[in-house]
Amino acid sequence: MDAGRGTAQVLAVTTRSAVVRTTTRRGRSPKVLEELVVQRLRLDRIRVAQNEEVWIVNLKKYL
């Protein structure tokens, strides 16, 4: 706020992730996007398998 004037400057809020998302979509080819999807699926499956292993180990400790 300006001292004594009662006016304030309002700025638009933009998150960094939104900016990154829009710029990366324009620059990547469909082949690269497919590779990223496959990589994400693989990582998700690995993460699920690791969580299941931890769950089984904890269950064995409990029993």
PDB file of N, CA and C in Angstrom:
ATOM      1  N   MET A   1       0.836  -1.179   0.000  1.00  0.00           N
ATOM      2  CA  MET A   1       0.000   0.000   0.000  1.00  0.00           C
ATOM      3  C   MET A   1       0.879   1.241   0.000  1.00  0.00           C
ATOM      4  N   ASP A   2       0.514   2.223  -0.794  1.00  0.00           N
ATOM      5  CA  ASP A   2       1.242   3.478  -0.777  1.00  0.00           C
ATOM      6  C   ASP A   2       0.900   4.213   0.508  1.00  0.00           C
ATOM      7  N   ALA A   3       1.902   4.858   1.068  1.00  0.00           N
ATOM      8  CA  ALA A   3       1.694   5.555   2.338  1.00  0.00           C
ATOM      9  C   ALA A   3       0.731   6.718   2.148  1.00  0.00           C
ATOM     10  N   GLY A   4      -0.420   6.656   2.798  1.00  0.00           N
ATOM     11  CA  GLY A   4      -1.373   7.744   2.797  1.00  0.00           C
ATOM     12  C   GLY A   4      -2.316   7.783   1.602  1.00  0.00           C
ATOM     13  N   ARG A   5      -2.057   7.061   0.561  1.00  0.00           N
ATOM     14  CA  ARG A   5      -2.913   7.134  -0.627  1.00  0.00           C
ATOM     15  C   ARG A   5      -4.027   6.099  -0.609  1.00  0.00           C
ATOM     16  N   GLY A   6      -3.814   4.974   0.033  1.00  0.00           N
ATOM     17  CA  GLY A   6      -4.856   3.966   0.116  1.00  0.00           C
ATOM     18  C   GLY A   6      -4.998   3.105  -1.132  1.00  0.00           C
ATOM     19  N   THR A   7      -3.988   3.087  -1.987  1.00  0.00           N
ATOM     20  CA  THR A   7      -4.048   2.236  -3.177  1.00  0.00           C
ATOM     21  C   THR A   7      -3.024   1.119  -3.047  1.00  0.00           C
ATOM     22  N   ALA A   8      -3.345   0.010  -3.643  1.00  0.00           N
ATOM     23  CA  ALA A   8      -2.434  -1.130  -3.602  1.00  0.00           C
ATOM     24  C   ALA A   8      -2.291  -1.700  -5.006  1.00  0.00           C
ATOM     25  N   GLN A   9      -1.117  -2.234  -5.280  1.00  0.00           N
ATOM     26  CA  GLN A   9      -0.883  -2.858  -6.575  1.00  0.00           C
ATOM     27  C   GLN A   9      -1.233  -4.338  -6.468  1.00  0.00           C
ATOM     28  N   VAL A  10      -2.052  -4.817  -7.383  1.00  0.00           N
ATOM     29  CA  VAL A  10      -2.465  -6.214  -7.375  1.00  0.00           C
ATOM     30  C   VAL A  10      -1.739  -6.928  -8.510  1.00  0.00           C
ATOM     31  N   LEU A  11      -1.044  -8.006  -8.165  1.00  0.00           N
ATOM     32  CA  LEU A  11      -0.307  -8.774  -9.154  1.00  0.00           C
ATOM     33  C   LEU A  11      -0.968 -10.125  -9.372  1.00  0.00           C
ATOM     34  N   ALA A  12      -0.865 -10.634 -10.574  1.00  0.00           N
ATOM     35  CA  ALA A  12      -1.406 -11.958 -10.876  1.00  0.00           C
ATOM     36  C   ALA A  12      -0.513 -13.019 -10.242  1.00  0.00           C
ATOM     37  N   VAL A  13      -1.139 -14.052  -9.712  1.00  0.00           N
ATOM     38  CA  VAL A  13      -0.398 -15.134  -9.084  1.00  0.00           C
ATOM     39  C   VAL A  13      -0.269 -16.277 -10.083  1.00  0.00           C
ATOM     40  N   THR A  14       0.962 -16.688 -10.319  1.00  0.00           N
ATOM     41  CA  THR A  14       1.218 -17.811 -11.216  1.00  0.00           C
ATOM     42  C   THR A  14       2.146 -18.775 -10.503  1.00  0.00           C
ATOM     43  N   THR A  15       1.719 -20.019 -10.420  1.00  0.00           N
ATOM     44  CA  THR A  15       2.579 -21.012  -9.781  1.00  0.00           C
ATOM     45  C   THR A  15       3.646 -21.457 -10.761  1.00  0.00           C
ATOM     46  N   ARG A  16       4.764 -21.866 -10.223  1.00  0.00           N
ATOM     47  CA  ARG A  16       5.869 -22.301 -11.066  1.00  0.00           C
ATOM     48  C   ARG A  16       5.495 -23.563 -11.835  1.00  0.00           C
ATOM     49  N   SER A  17       4.781 -24.458 -11.180  1.00  0.00           N
ATOM     50  CA  SER A  17       4.431 -25.712 -11.838  1.00  0.00           C
ATOM     51  C   SER A  17       3.534 -25.477 -13.053  1.00  0.00           C
ATOM     52  N   ALA A  18       2.654 -24.510 -12.984  1.00  0.00           N
ATOM     53  CA  ALA A  18       1.783 -24.217 -14.115  1.00  0.00           C
ATOM     54  C   ALA A  18       2.600 -23.696 -15.290  1.00  0.00           C
ATOM     55  N   VAL A  19       3.581 -22.870 -15.003  1.00  0.00           N
ATOM     56  CA  VAL A  19       4.426 -22.331 -16.061  1.00  0.00           C
ATOM     57  C   VAL A  19       5.253 -23.447 -16.680  1.00  0.00           C
ATOM     58  N   VAL A  20       5.821 -24.297 -15.857  1.00  0.00           N
ATOM     59  CA  VAL A  20       6.637 -25.399 -16.354  1.00  0.00           C
ATOM     60  C   VAL A  20       5.786 -26.346 -17.183  1.00  0.00           C
ATOM     61  N   ARG A  21       4.578 -26.632 -16.724  1.00  0.00           N
ATOM     62  CA  ARG A  21       3.689 -27.548 -17.431  1.00  0.00           C
ATOM     63  C   ARG A  21       3.392 -27.059 -18.848  1.00  0.00           C
ATOM     64  N   THR A  22       3.089 -25.773 -18.992  1.00  0.00           N
ATOM     65  CA  THR A  22       2.722 -25.269 -20.310  1.00  0.00           C
ATOM     66  C   THR A  22       3.921 -25.222 -21.243  1.00  0.00           C
ATOM     67  N   THR A  23       5.095 -24.910 -20.743  1.00  0.00           N
ATOM     68  CA  THR A  23       6.260 -24.830 -21.619  1.00  0.00           C
ATOM     69  C   THR A  23       6.771 -26.206 -22.004  1.00  0.00           C
ATOM     70  N   THR A  24       6.660 -27.187 -21.126  1.00  0.00           N
ATOM     71  CA  THR A  24       7.166 -28.511 -21.456  1.00  0.00           C
ATOM     72  C   THR A  24       6.260 -29.230 -22.438  1.00  0.00           C
ATOM     73  N   ARG A  25       4.991 -28.960 -22.439  1.00  0.00           N
ATOM     74  CA  ARG A  25       4.075 -29.621 -23.370  1.00  0.00           C
ATOM     75  C   ARG A  25       4.362 -29.206 -24.805  1.00  0.00           C
ATOM     76  N   ARG A  26       4.737 -27.979 -24.996  1.00  0.00           N
ATOM     77  CA  ARG A  26       4.991 -27.483 -26.344  1.00  0.00           C
ATOM     78  C   ARG A  26       6.281 -28.053 -26.921  1.00  0.00           C
ATOM     79  N   GLY A  27       7.258 -28.326 -26.066  1.00  0.00           N
ATOM     80  CA  GLY A  27       8.577 -28.692 -26.546  1.00  0.00           C
ATOM     81  C   GLY A  27       8.805 -30.172 -26.749  1.00  0.00           C
ATOM     82  N   ARG A  28       7.933 -31.028 -26.327  1.00  0.00           N
ATOM     83  CA  ARG A  28       8.174 -32.463 -26.406  1.00  0.00           C
ATOM     84  C   ARG A  28       7.382 -33.103 -27.532  1.00  0.00           C
ATOM     85  N   SER A  29       8.031 -34.057 -28.169  1.00  0.00           N
ATOM     86  CA  SER A  29       7.357 -34.785 -29.244  1.00  0.00           C
ATOM     87  C   SER A  29       6.478 -35.880 -28.648  1.00  0.00           C
ATOM     88  N   PRO A  30       5.537 -36.407 -29.416  1.00  0.00           N
ATOM     89  CA  PRO A  30       4.667 -37.486 -28.912  1.00  0.00           C
ATOM     90  C   PRO A  30       5.456 -38.716 -28.468  1.00  0.00           C
ATOM     91  N   LYS A  31       6.559 -39.020 -29.155  1.00  0.00           N
ATOM     92  CA  LYS A  31       7.364 -40.185 -28.788  1.00  0.00           C
ATOM     93  C   LYS A  31       7.951 -40.005 -27.391  1.00  0.00           C
ATOM     94  N   VAL A  32       8.447 -38.814 -27.110  1.00  0.00           N
ATOM     95  CA  VAL A  32       9.011 -38.535 -25.788  1.00  0.00           C
ATOM     96  C   VAL A  32       7.923 -38.624 -24.731  1.00  0.00           C
ATOM     97  N   LEU A  33       6.734 -38.119 -25.057  1.00  0.00           N
ATOM     98  CA  LEU A  33       5.627 -38.184 -24.107  1.00  0.00           C
ATOM     99  C   LEU A  33       5.253 -39.629 -23.813  1.00  0.00           C
ATOM    100  N   GLU A  34       5.260 -40.486 -24.847  1.00  0.00           N
ATOM    101  CA  GLU A  34       4.954 -41.896 -24.633  1.00  0.00           C
ATOM    102  C   GLU A  34       5.992 -42.537 -23.719  1.00  0.00           C
ATOM    103  N   GLU A  35       7.258 -42.201 -23.929  1.00  0.00           N
ATOM    104  CA  GLU A  35       8.324 -42.743 -23.088  1.00  0.00           C
ATOM    105  C   GLU A  35       8.147 -42.296 -21.644  1.00  0.00           C
ATOM    106  N   LEU A  36       7.746 -41.055 -21.455  1.00  0.00           N
ATOM    107  CA  LEU A  36       7.526 -40.553 -20.099  1.00  0.00           C
ATOM    108  C   LEU A  36       6.365 -41.268 -19.425  1.00  0.00           C
ATOM    109  N   VAL A  37       5.316 -41.559 -20.184  1.00  0.00           N
ATOM    110  CA  VAL A  37       4.170 -42.280 -19.629  1.00  0.00           C
ATOM    111  C   VAL A  37       4.594 -43.677 -19.208  1.00  0.00           C
ATOM    112  N   VAL A  38       5.345 -44.360 -20.060  1.00  0.00           N
ATOM    113  CA  VAL A  38       5.814 -45.711 -19.741  1.00  0.00           C
ATOM    114  C   VAL A  38       6.717 -45.682 -18.515  1.00  0.00           C
ATOM    115  N   GLN A  39       7.608 -44.703 -18.456  1.00  0.00           N
ATOM    116  CA  GLN A  39       8.511 -44.590 -17.313  1.00  0.00           C
ATOM    117  C   GLN A  39       7.720 -44.344 -16.030  1.00  0.00           C
ATOM    118  N   ARG A  40       6.716 -43.496 -16.091  1.00  0.00           N
ATOM    119  CA  ARG A  40       5.901 -43.216 -14.911  1.00  0.00           C
ATOM    120  C   ARG A  40       5.145 -44.462 -14.456  1.00  0.00           C
ATOM    121  N   LEU A  41       4.606 -45.232 -15.417  1.00  0.00           N
ATOM    122  CA  LEU A  41       3.915 -46.476 -15.070  1.00  0.00           C
ATOM    123  C   LEU A  41       4.860 -47.459 -14.392  1.00  0.00           C
ATOM    124  N   ARG A  42       6.062 -47.585 -14.927  1.00  0.00           N
ATOM    125  CA  ARG A  42       7.045 -48.495 -14.329  1.00  0.00           C
ATOM    126  C   ARG A  42       7.388 -48.074 -12.910  1.00  0.00           C
ATOM    127  N   LEU A  43       7.620 -46.793 -12.725  1.00  0.00           N
ATOM    128  CA  LEU A  43       7.960 -46.302 -11.388  1.00  0.00           C
ATOM    129  C   LEU A  43       6.815 -46.526 -10.409  1.00  0.00           C
ATOM    130  N   ASP A  44       5.593 -46.317 -10.867  1.00  0.00           N
ATOM    131  CA  ASP A  44       4.434 -46.563 -10.001  1.00  0.00           C
ATOM    132  C   ASP A  44       4.340 -48.026  -9.609  1.00  0.00           C
ATOM    133  N   ARG A  45       4.575 -48.917 -10.570  1.00  0.00           N
ATOM    134  CA  ARG A  45       4.520 -50.353 -10.268  1.00  0.00           C
ATOM    135  C   ARG A  45       5.618 -50.757  -9.300  1.00  0.00           C
ATOM    136  N   ILE A  46       6.812 -50.210  -9.475  1.00  0.00           N
ATOM    137  CA  ILE A  46       7.916 -50.500  -8.548  1.00  0.00           C
ATOM    138  C   ILE A  46       7.567 -50.014  -7.154  1.00  0.00           C
ATOM    139  N   ARG A  47       7.013 -48.810  -7.062  1.00  0.00           N
ATOM    140  CA  ARG A  47       6.639 -48.241  -5.764  1.00  0.00           C
ATOM    141  C   ARG A  47       5.588 -49.108  -5.070  1.00  0.00           C
ATOM    142  N   VAL A  48       4.601 -49.576  -5.818  1.00  0.00           N
ATOM    143  CA  VAL A  48       3.555 -50.436  -5.251  1.00  0.00           C
ATOM    144  C   VAL A  48       4.161 -51.743  -4.760  1.00  0.00           C
ATOM    145  N   ALA A  49       5.048 -52.336  -5.556  1.00  0.00           N
ATOM    146  CA  ALA A  49       5.680 -53.598  -5.164  1.00  0.00           C
ATOM    147  C   ALA A  49       6.512 -53.423  -3.900  1.00  0.00           C
ATOM    148  N   GLN A  50       7.235 -52.323  -3.795  1.00  0.00           N
ATOM    149  CA  GLN A  50       8.039 -52.072  -2.599  1.00  0.00           C
ATOM    150  C   GLN A  50       7.148 -51.887  -1.379  1.00  0.00           C
ATOM    151  N   ASN A  51       6.038 -51.197  -1.546  1.00  0.00           N
ATOM    152  CA  ASN A  51       5.107 -51.020  -0.425  1.00  0.00           C
ATOM    153  C   ASN A  51       4.511 -52.351   0.008  1.00  0.00           C
ATOM    154  N   GLU A  52       4.215 -53.218  -0.958  1.00  0.00           N
ATOM    155  CA  GLU A  52       3.679 -54.537  -0.624  1.00  0.00           C
ATOM    156  C   GLU A  52       4.713 -55.373   0.122  1.00  0.00           C
ATOM    157  N   GLU A  53       5.979 -55.273  -0.285  1.00  0.00           N
ATOM    158  CA  GLU A  53       7.039 -56.014   0.397  1.00  0.00           C
ATOM    159  C   GLU A  53       7.161 -55.563   1.847  1.00  0.00           C
ATOM    160  N   VAL A  54       7.112 -54.279   2.065  1.00  0.00           N
ATOM    161  CA  VAL A  54       7.188 -53.748   3.430  1.00  0.00           C
ATOM    162  C   VAL A  54       5.997 -54.235   4.238  1.00  0.00           C
ATOM    163  N   TRP A  55       4.821 -54.234   3.643  1.00  0.00           N
ATOM    164  CA  TRP A  55       3.615 -54.680   4.333  1.00  0.00           C
ATOM    165  C   TRP A  55       3.737 -56.148   4.722  1.00  0.00           C
ATOM    166  N   ILE A  56       4.252 -56.980   3.808  1.00  0.00           N
ATOM    167  CA  ILE A  56       4.410 -58.411   4.090  1.00  0.00           C
ATOM    168  C   ILE A  56       5.417 -58.635   5.206  1.00  0.00           C
ATOM    169  N   VAL A  57       6.525 -57.915   5.184  1.00  0.00           N
ATOM    170  CA  VAL A  57       7.538 -58.045   6.243  1.00  0.00           C
ATOM    171  C   VAL A  57       6.933 -57.670   7.588  1.00  0.00           C
ATOM    172  N   ASN A  58       6.191 -56.592   7.632  1.00  0.00           N
ATOM    173  CA  ASN A  58       5.564 -56.169   8.890  1.00  0.00           C
ATOM    174  C   ASN A  58       4.513 -57.175   9.354  1.00  0.00           C
ATOM    175  N   LEU A  59       3.776 -57.762   8.421  1.00  0.00           N
ATOM    176  CA  LEU A  59       2.785 -58.774   8.772  1.00  0.00           C
ATOM    177  C   LEU A  59       3.466 -60.002   9.368  1.00  0.00           C
ATOM    178  N   LYS A  60       4.585 -60.419   8.785  1.00  0.00           N
ATOM    179  CA  LYS A  60       5.325 -61.574   9.302  1.00  0.00           C
ATOM    180  C   LYS A  60       5.848 -61.292  10.709  1.00  0.00           C
ATOM    181  N   LYS A  61       6.299 -60.069  10.950  1.00  0.00           N
ATOM    182  CA  LYS A  61       6.764 -59.703  12.294  1.00  0.00           C
ATOM    183  C   LYS A  61       5.613 -59.793  13.292  1.00  0.00           C
ATOM    184  N   TYR A  62       4.442 -59.348  12.862  1.00  0.00           N
ATOM    185  CA  TYR A  62       3.278 -59.349  13.738  1.00  0.00           C
ATOM    186  C   TYR A  62       2.834 -60.768  14.066  1.00  0.00           C
ATOM    187  N   LEU A  63       2.866 -61.653  13.077  1.00  0.00           N
ATOM    188  CA  LEU A  63       2.413 -63.026  13.281  1.00  0.00           C
ATOM    189  C   LEU A  63       3.478 -63.779  14.031  1.00  0.00           C
TER     190      LEU A  63
END
